[in-house]
Structures are given as C-alpha cells and as structure tokens.
Amino acid sequence: MLLVAPTLVVIPMAFTSSRTFRFPPPGLSTRWFGELFADPAWMDSFVLSLKVGGVVVLLATSLGTMAAFALVRGTGWWRAPLNGFLLAPMIVPGVITAIAIYYVFLQWHLSSTFLGFVLAHTVVALPFVVLTVGTSLQGVDRRLERASTSLGAGPAATFLHVTLPLIAPGMVTGALFAFLISFDEAIISLFLSGPFNRTLPVQLYQSVSTTLTPTIAAASTLIITLSSAILLLSAVIASRRRTKHV
C-alpha cells in the first residue's frame, strides 16, 4: 500500500488546474495533457520510446525463444553457464550494467543512437522472455510432437503447427514484458541519452531536474497507465492459460 500511495497522488495532480503541484487539486483540467502532447521534446521522447520498444519486442522475443529452446531442449554442461549469462541482467545491479554498456557502446560509437538504445534494452529484456518461454516449453507434452512426427510431419511443420501454438501465450507474455522493460528503462537510457535523443523516462528525469510543472505529472500518468495496461494484459493471458490447463 505504501508503494501505491505515491501513484495515487501523481495521477490527480496530472488533472490539476493549478500551475504548480498541489494536492488535492483546487480544480480539474486536462490542460497539462494538452501541453504534454504539444511539446516537441516530450513527443519526440515518447515516439522514441515506442519505436525502441517495438524493435526490442521483435529482437528479444526472437532471441529469447531460441535461447529458451536451447536451455530446455538442449543437453550438456553448457546449459548452466548459458542460463546464468542470460539471466545476469536481472541479477547484476542496474547501475553496473549501465556503466558496462556505456563503456562498450562508447568504443563502438553507439552511444546516443537508436541502435544503441535497441541493443541495450534488448539485453535487459531478454531474461524475461527466456523465463516465460522456457516455462511454457517445460509444460509442452512431448508426446504431441512425437505424434506429429510419426504422422509424417517434419521438424518445421511440427514446430509451426504443434509446438508454436502451445508456447504462444508464453511468447506473448514475454513480448509484453520486453516492451514494458524497454519503455520503463531509465538507468541505462540515462547513460546513453544525448541532447537530442532521450527516451520518455529520461525526459521525465531531466524535466524534474529543471522545471516542476504538472506536465511532469501528466507524463508520469501516461507511463503508469501504459505500464498498468501491459501488466493487466499479461495477467489476463496467464489466467486464461491456467484455465485451459485445468
């Protein structure tokens, strides 16, 4: 409840009629959302976050699914080291990961570039896809795949018509989490951002450091709403998946 309380304060302040942060608001207005969407700096950062998140979804879901197959279906001593390597971004503190990525990307001239944002966000989003898809794979009945093979289907046909539909909920959940991680990522993005390339969380941080207007609350409300919608959607997918298995 203590963690939710600040959110309950930010959202009403996004609709305040006052020019300063006041709670409770003296009146209601959508003025600050209008200023948010009319400001090129805010809109450029919002569009950049959406573009980066979209590409990260494709990369992280593809690579994470292949990695999950290797970990679940593979055999050998390399599985444990590979699993630890893939899950490292979830374990290592974010600041350390950000410093390491910044140092490497600075050498590769990827700092403050669209490609740099995509690659960095893919690194931190990948573990979530590996975990969700790996869990789905472990629940697949291998007898269904063997039955498909015995009926003359090749490996590709078996994967497309048997395995893929069974792990699709896990892939969708992983893709949603990948977008959410990318869209909300602030620490690494802060290291990689430049004067003209800022994601929405970085723009929010910069605005808090310079000017304090309810536009910041409107941007925060936008992030909270989108993040909550994605979490709700993933919860619905997981609930339907559990219902089908019952």
Protein backbone atom coordinates (compact mmCIF):
# COMPACT_ATOMS: atom_id res chain seq x y z
CA MET A 1 0.00 0.00 0.00
CA LEU A 2 2.87 2.38 0.77
CA LEU A 3 4.27 1.79 -2.74
CA VAL A 4 0.91 2.54 -4.38
CA ALA A 5 0.28 5.73 -2.39
CA PRO A 6 2.64 8.00 -4.43
CA THR A 7 0.89 6.84 -7.61
CA LEU A 8 -2.47 7.85 -6.17
CA VAL A 9 -1.05 11.32 -5.59
CA VAL A 10 0.58 11.77 -9.00
CA ILE A 11 -2.50 10.92 -11.08
CA PRO A 12 -4.84 13.56 -9.58
CA MET A 13 -2.10 16.19 -9.91
CA ALA A 14 -1.97 15.48 -13.65
CA PHE A 15 -5.51 16.84 -13.90
CA THR A 16 -4.99 19.89 -11.69
CA SER A 17 -6.00 23.38 -12.79
CA SER A 18 -3.11 24.86 -10.83
CA ARG A 19 0.23 25.81 -12.40
CA THR A 20 2.09 24.17 -9.50
CA PHE A 21 1.96 20.84 -7.70
CA ARG A 22 -0.91 21.00 -5.24
CA PHE A 23 -2.70 18.13 -3.58
CA PRO A 24 -5.59 17.90 -3.51
CA PRO A 25 -6.03 19.82 -6.80
CA PRO A 26 -8.01 23.08 -6.48
CA GLY A 27 -9.79 22.21 -9.72
CA LEU A 28 -9.77 19.76 -12.60
CA SER A 29 -8.31 20.38 -16.05
CA THR A 30 -6.79 18.45 -18.96
CA ARG A 31 -4.58 21.41 -19.82
CA TRP A 32 -1.34 19.66 -18.85
CA PHE A 33 -2.01 16.73 -21.14
CA GLY A 34 -2.53 19.25 -23.94
CA GLU A 35 0.81 20.86 -23.16
CA LEU A 36 2.43 17.44 -22.96
CA PHE A 37 1.26 16.42 -26.43
CA ALA A 38 2.01 19.86 -27.87
CA ASP A 39 5.61 19.94 -26.63
CA PRO A 40 8.02 18.56 -29.31
CA ALA A 41 10.55 17.46 -26.67
CA TRP A 42 8.01 15.31 -24.85
CA MET A 43 6.53 13.90 -28.05
CA ASP A 44 9.92 13.10 -29.58
CA SER A 45 10.91 11.21 -26.42
CA PHE A 46 7.55 9.38 -26.35
CA VAL A 47 7.83 8.35 -30.02
CA LEU A 48 11.45 7.26 -29.50
CA SER A 49 10.42 5.07 -26.55
CA LEU A 50 7.65 3.48 -28.63
CA LYS A 51 9.98 2.83 -31.60
CA VAL A 52 12.73 1.38 -29.42
CA GLY A 53 10.22 -0.75 -27.52
CA GLY A 54 8.73 -2.11 -30.74
CA VAL A 55 12.10 -3.21 -32.13
CA VAL A 56 13.14 -4.61 -28.74
CA VAL A 57 9.99 -6.76 -28.72
CA LEU A 58 10.96 -8.33 -32.05
CA LEU A 59 14.60 -8.90 -31.13
CA ALA A 60 14.11 -10.03 -27.53
CA THR A 61 11.22 -12.37 -28.40
CA SER A 62 13.11 -13.99 -31.27
CA LEU A 63 16.41 -14.37 -29.45
CA GLY A 64 14.76 -15.28 -26.15
CA THR A 65 12.67 -18.02 -27.76
CA MET A 66 15.73 -19.57 -29.40
CA ALA A 67 17.67 -19.34 -26.14
CA ALA A 68 14.78 -20.95 -24.23
CA PHE A 69 14.73 -23.85 -26.70
CA ALA A 70 18.47 -24.31 -26.25
CA LEU A 71 18.17 -24.33 -22.47
CA VAL A 72 15.09 -26.56 -22.21
CA ARG A 73 15.72 -28.99 -25.05
CA GLY A 74 19.50 -28.96 -25.10
CA THR A 75 21.83 -31.28 -23.21
CA GLY A 76 25.34 -30.67 -21.98
CA TRP A 77 27.40 -28.86 -19.40
CA TRP A 78 27.00 -25.51 -21.21
CA ARG A 79 23.35 -25.09 -20.18
CA ALA A 80 24.05 -23.83 -16.65
CA PRO A 81 26.67 -21.22 -17.69
CA LEU A 82 24.44 -20.06 -20.56
CA ASN A 83 21.44 -19.75 -18.26
CA GLY A 84 23.47 -17.71 -15.78
CA PHE A 85 24.80 -15.48 -18.56
CA LEU A 86 21.33 -14.81 -19.99
CA LEU A 87 19.80 -14.08 -16.58
CA ALA A 88 22.70 -11.87 -15.43
CA PRO A 89 20.94 -8.56 -16.32
CA MET A 90 18.24 -9.47 -13.77
CA ILE A 91 20.82 -10.15 -11.04
CA VAL A 92 23.56 -7.55 -11.59
CA PRO A 93 22.67 -4.07 -10.23
CA GLY A 94 21.33 -1.77 -12.94
CA VAL A 95 23.99 0.89 -12.43
CA ILE A 96 26.80 -1.62 -13.01
CA THR A 97 25.11 -2.91 -16.16
CA ALA A 98 24.60 0.68 -17.35
CA ILE A 99 28.26 1.60 -16.80
CA ALA A 100 29.45 -1.52 -18.63
CA ILE A 101 27.13 -0.92 -21.59
CA TYR A 102 28.04 2.76 -21.73
CA TYR A 103 31.77 1.99 -21.78
CA VAL A 104 31.44 -0.60 -24.56
CA PHE A 105 28.99 1.46 -26.63
CA LEU A 106 31.26 4.49 -26.33
CA GLN A 107 34.01 2.46 -28.00
CA TRP A 108 31.60 1.24 -30.68
CA HIS A 109 30.13 4.74 -31.29
CA LEU A 110 26.67 3.50 -30.34
CA SER A 111 26.06 5.94 -27.51
CA SER A 112 23.08 8.25 -28.10
CA THR A 113 21.95 6.30 -31.17
CA PHE A 114 18.73 4.45 -31.93
CA LEU A 115 20.64 1.20 -32.44
CA GLY A 116 22.39 1.68 -29.10
CA PHE A 117 19.08 2.05 -27.27
CA VAL A 118 17.68 -1.04 -29.01
CA LEU A 119 20.68 -3.25 -28.23
CA ALA A 120 20.96 -2.10 -24.61
CA HIS A 121 17.24 -2.55 -23.92
CA THR A 122 17.28 -5.95 -25.61
CA VAL A 123 19.99 -7.08 -23.19
CA VAL A 124 17.88 -6.25 -20.13
CA ALA A 125 14.61 -7.51 -21.65
CA LEU A 126 15.97 -10.84 -22.87
CA PRO A 127 15.90 -12.66 -19.47
CA PHE A 128 12.15 -12.09 -19.11
CA VAL A 129 11.47 -13.69 -22.48
CA VAL A 130 13.76 -16.62 -21.71
CA LEU A 131 11.95 -17.27 -18.43
CA THR A 132 8.40 -17.05 -19.79
CA VAL A 133 9.05 -19.04 -22.96
CA GLY A 134 11.16 -21.58 -21.06
CA THR A 135 8.31 -22.14 -18.61
CA SER A 136 5.89 -22.67 -21.50
CA LEU A 137 8.26 -25.14 -23.15
CA GLN A 138 8.61 -27.17 -19.99
CA GLY A 139 4.83 -27.56 -19.94
CA VAL A 140 4.62 -28.87 -23.51
CA ASP A 141 3.73 -32.56 -23.76
CA ARG A 142 6.50 -34.03 -25.91
CA ARG A 143 4.17 -36.87 -26.92
CA LEU A 144 2.25 -34.43 -29.08
CA GLU A 145 5.40 -33.57 -31.00
CA ARG A 146 6.32 -37.23 -31.38
CA ALA A 147 2.80 -37.99 -32.63
CA SER A 148 3.15 -35.23 -35.23
CA THR A 149 6.49 -36.66 -36.36
CA SER A 150 5.11 -40.20 -36.55
CA LEU A 151 2.34 -38.95 -38.84
CA GLY A 152 4.91 -37.69 -41.33
CA ALA A 153 5.36 -34.04 -40.32
CA GLY A 154 8.88 -32.67 -40.49
CA PRO A 155 10.59 -30.67 -37.73
CA ALA A 156 9.49 -27.33 -39.21
CA ALA A 157 5.85 -28.41 -39.62
CA THR A 158 5.80 -29.88 -36.11
CA PHE A 159 7.13 -26.66 -34.65
CA LEU A 160 4.71 -24.43 -36.58
CA HIS A 161 1.56 -26.50 -36.05
CA VAL A 162 2.16 -28.15 -32.66
CA THR A 163 4.88 -26.50 -30.56
CA LEU A 164 4.36 -22.86 -31.54
CA PRO A 165 0.63 -22.73 -30.67
CA LEU A 166 1.38 -24.30 -27.28
CA ILE A 167 4.11 -21.82 -26.35
CA ALA A 168 2.41 -18.80 -27.97
CA PRO A 169 0.94 -17.49 -24.66
CA GLY A 170 4.41 -17.57 -23.10
CA MET A 171 5.88 -15.76 -26.11
CA VAL A 172 3.19 -13.08 -25.99
CA THR A 173 3.73 -12.60 -22.25
CA GLY A 174 7.48 -12.38 -22.80
CA ALA A 175 6.97 -9.84 -25.60
CA LEU A 176 4.75 -7.70 -23.36
CA PHE A 177 7.33 -7.76 -20.58
CA ALA A 178 10.09 -6.93 -23.09
CA PHE A 179 8.18 -3.84 -24.22
CA LEU A 180 7.44 -2.85 -20.64
CA ILE A 181 11.09 -3.21 -19.59
CA SER A 182 12.22 -1.16 -22.60
CA PHE A 183 9.59 1.53 -22.18
CA ASP A 184 10.29 1.98 -18.46
CA GLU A 185 14.08 1.64 -18.62
CA ALA A 186 15.69 4.75 -17.11
CA ILE A 187 19.17 3.98 -15.77
CA ILE A 188 20.79 2.64 -18.94
CA SER A 189 18.88 5.14 -21.08
CA LEU A 190 20.19 7.98 -18.92
CA PHE A 191 23.78 6.88 -19.64
CA LEU A 192 23.14 6.52 -23.39
CA SER A 193 20.99 9.61 -23.94
CA GLY A 194 22.27 12.70 -25.70
CA PRO A 195 20.86 16.22 -26.06
CA PHE A 196 18.60 15.19 -28.93
CA ASN A 197 17.93 11.51 -28.22
CA ARG A 198 16.01 10.97 -24.99
CA THR A 199 13.53 8.29 -24.10
CA LEU A 200 10.42 9.26 -22.14
CA PRO A 201 11.78 8.25 -18.68
CA VAL A 202 14.96 10.27 -19.35
CA GLN A 203 12.94 13.28 -20.49
CA LEU A 204 10.90 12.95 -17.31
CA TYR A 205 14.06 12.89 -15.19
CA GLN A 206 15.53 15.91 -16.99
CA SER A 207 12.29 17.86 -16.55
CA VAL A 208 12.19 17.11 -12.83
CA SER A 209 15.76 18.44 -12.57
CA THR A 210 14.98 21.73 -14.36
CA THR A 211 11.30 22.69 -14.17
CA LEU A 212 8.49 21.48 -11.96
CA THR A 213 5.09 21.80 -13.65
CA PRO A 214 2.09 19.46 -13.68
CA THR A 215 3.19 18.41 -17.19
CA ILE A 216 5.56 16.05 -15.38
CA ALA A 217 2.61 14.51 -13.55
CA ALA A 218 0.79 14.12 -16.89
CA ALA A 219 3.81 12.30 -18.37
CA SER A 220 4.05 10.12 -15.27
CA THR A 221 0.36 9.27 -15.56
CA LEU A 222 0.92 8.28 -19.20
CA ILE A 223 3.72 5.91 -18.21
CA ILE A 224 1.72 4.48 -15.29
CA THR A 225 -1.34 3.89 -17.49
CA LEU A 226 0.58 2.16 -20.27
CA SER A 227 2.60 0.03 -17.84
CA SER A 228 -0.51 -0.97 -15.89
CA ALA A 229 -2.35 -1.89 -19.09
CA ILE A 230 0.50 -4.16 -20.19
CA LEU A 231 0.71 -5.83 -16.77
CA LEU A 232 -3.06 -6.35 -16.77
CA LEU A 233 -2.93 -7.85 -20.26
CA SER A 234 -0.16 -10.26 -19.26
CA ALA A 235 -2.13 -11.26 -16.17
CA VAL A 236 -5.20 -11.99 -18.32
CA ILE A 237 -3.11 -14.13 -20.68
CA ALA A 238 -1.62 -16.07 -17.76
CA SER A 239 -5.08 -16.56 -16.22
CA ARG A 240 -6.53 -17.93 -19.46
CA ARG A 241 -3.56 -20.21 -19.86
CA ARG A 242 -4.07 -21.65 -16.35
CA THR A 243 -7.78 -22.09 -17.06
CA LYS A 244 -7.05 -24.13 -20.20
CA HIS A 245 -4.74 -26.45 -18.26
CA VAL A 246 -7.32 -27.09 -15.55
